[in-house]
Amino acid sequence: MSTGTGKQTYQGRSITVTFEAGRCRHAAVCVHGLPEVFDTARRPWIRPDGAEAERLAEVVRRCPSGALQYELTGSGTRDPEHRP
């Protein structure tokens, strides 16, 4: 789902991931880190419920450009390194 700011939001049961295509450097850290969640051949290409929230958050934090961000649902915890 697009937010009108160029970010797409992918909501799972316990984590929400946002992706800003304009910031992405295509390093594929996400795709290699969790292919069961990040698969560019599928739509939607991000499926947050494909892995445990903490593991997904760990991979999102490794995004070199900050194009990926997350928020743990219900906890209000955001990615401290890539906060908008």
Protein backbone atom coordinates (compact mmCIF):
# COMPACT_ATOMS: atom_id res chain seq x y z
CA MET A 1 0.00 0.00 0.00
CA SER A 2 1.38 3.42 -0.93
CA THR A 3 1.28 6.23 1.61
CA GLY A 4 1.46 9.14 -0.84
CA THR A 5 4.99 9.98 0.37
CA GLY A 6 6.69 7.48 -1.91
CA LYS A 7 6.71 4.89 0.85
CA GLN A 8 4.92 1.58 0.64
CA THR A 9 3.65 -0.06 3.81
CA TYR A 10 3.47 -3.79 4.43
CA GLN A 11 1.64 -4.73 7.60
CA GLY A 12 2.05 -8.06 9.34
CA ARG A 13 0.62 -9.42 12.57
CA SER A 14 3.47 -8.16 14.76
CA ILE A 15 5.58 -5.89 12.54
CA THR A 16 4.96 -3.27 9.86
CA VAL A 17 7.66 -2.69 7.24
CA THR A 18 7.88 0.42 5.08
CA PHE A 19 9.86 0.69 1.86
CA GLU A 20 10.91 3.89 0.10
CA ALA A 21 11.91 2.94 -3.46
CA GLY A 22 13.67 6.24 -4.16
CA ARG A 23 16.21 5.54 -1.39
CA CYS A 24 16.93 1.92 -2.32
CA ARG A 25 20.47 1.16 -3.58
CA HIS A 26 19.52 -2.40 -4.64
CA ALA A 27 22.22 -3.97 -2.46
CA ALA A 28 19.82 -6.94 -1.96
CA VAL A 29 20.72 -7.28 1.71
CA CYS A 30 17.03 -7.86 2.44
CA VAL A 31 16.52 -10.40 -0.35
CA HIS A 32 19.59 -12.41 0.65
CA GLY A 33 18.90 -12.05 4.37
CA LEU A 34 15.28 -13.23 4.35
CA PRO A 35 14.19 -14.53 0.93
CA GLU A 36 11.02 -15.93 2.50
CA VAL A 37 9.95 -12.32 3.29
CA PHE A 38 11.58 -10.29 0.50
CA ASP A 39 10.92 -11.71 -2.97
CA THR A 40 10.91 -9.30 -5.89
CA ALA A 41 9.18 -11.88 -8.12
CA ARG A 42 6.03 -11.87 -5.92
CA ARG A 43 3.37 -9.26 -5.27
CA PRO A 44 3.40 -8.00 -2.65
CA TRP A 45 7.17 -8.39 -2.65
CA ILE A 46 7.42 -7.94 1.13
CA ARG A 47 5.50 -10.41 3.31
CA PRO A 48 6.18 -9.47 6.94
CA ASP A 49 4.54 -12.60 8.35
CA GLY A 50 7.08 -14.79 6.54
CA ALA A 51 9.50 -14.62 9.48
CA GLU A 52 9.54 -13.79 13.18
CA ALA A 53 9.29 -10.04 13.80
CA GLU A 54 12.62 -9.79 15.63
CA ARG A 55 14.49 -11.58 12.83
CA LEU A 56 12.81 -9.36 10.23
CA ALA A 57 13.71 -6.25 12.22
CA GLU A 58 17.34 -7.42 12.32
CA VAL A 59 17.46 -7.70 8.52
CA VAL A 60 15.72 -4.34 8.03
CA ARG A 61 18.33 -2.68 10.28
CA ARG A 62 21.03 -3.93 7.89
CA CYS A 63 19.53 -2.01 4.93
CA PRO A 64 22.46 0.21 3.83
CA SER A 65 20.29 3.00 2.40
CA GLY A 66 17.56 3.20 5.02
CA ALA A 67 14.94 2.47 2.36
CA LEU A 68 13.48 -0.16 4.69
CA GLN A 69 12.12 0.74 8.10
CA TYR A 70 9.98 -1.09 10.60
CA GLU A 71 7.66 -0.67 13.53
CA LEU A 72 6.78 -3.50 15.87
CA THR A 73 2.98 -3.61 16.06
CA GLY A 74 1.54 -2.74 19.44
CA SER A 75 4.88 -1.87 21.01
CA GLY A 76 5.54 1.44 19.30
CA THR A 77 9.15 0.30 18.73
CA ARG A 78 10.68 1.83 15.64
CA ASP A 79 13.98 1.25 13.95
CA PRO A 80 16.31 3.69 15.77
CA GLU A 81 18.82 3.91 12.92
CA HIS A 82 16.41 4.65 10.08
CA ARG A 83 13.72 6.72 11.74
CA PRO A 84 12.19 9.17 9.24
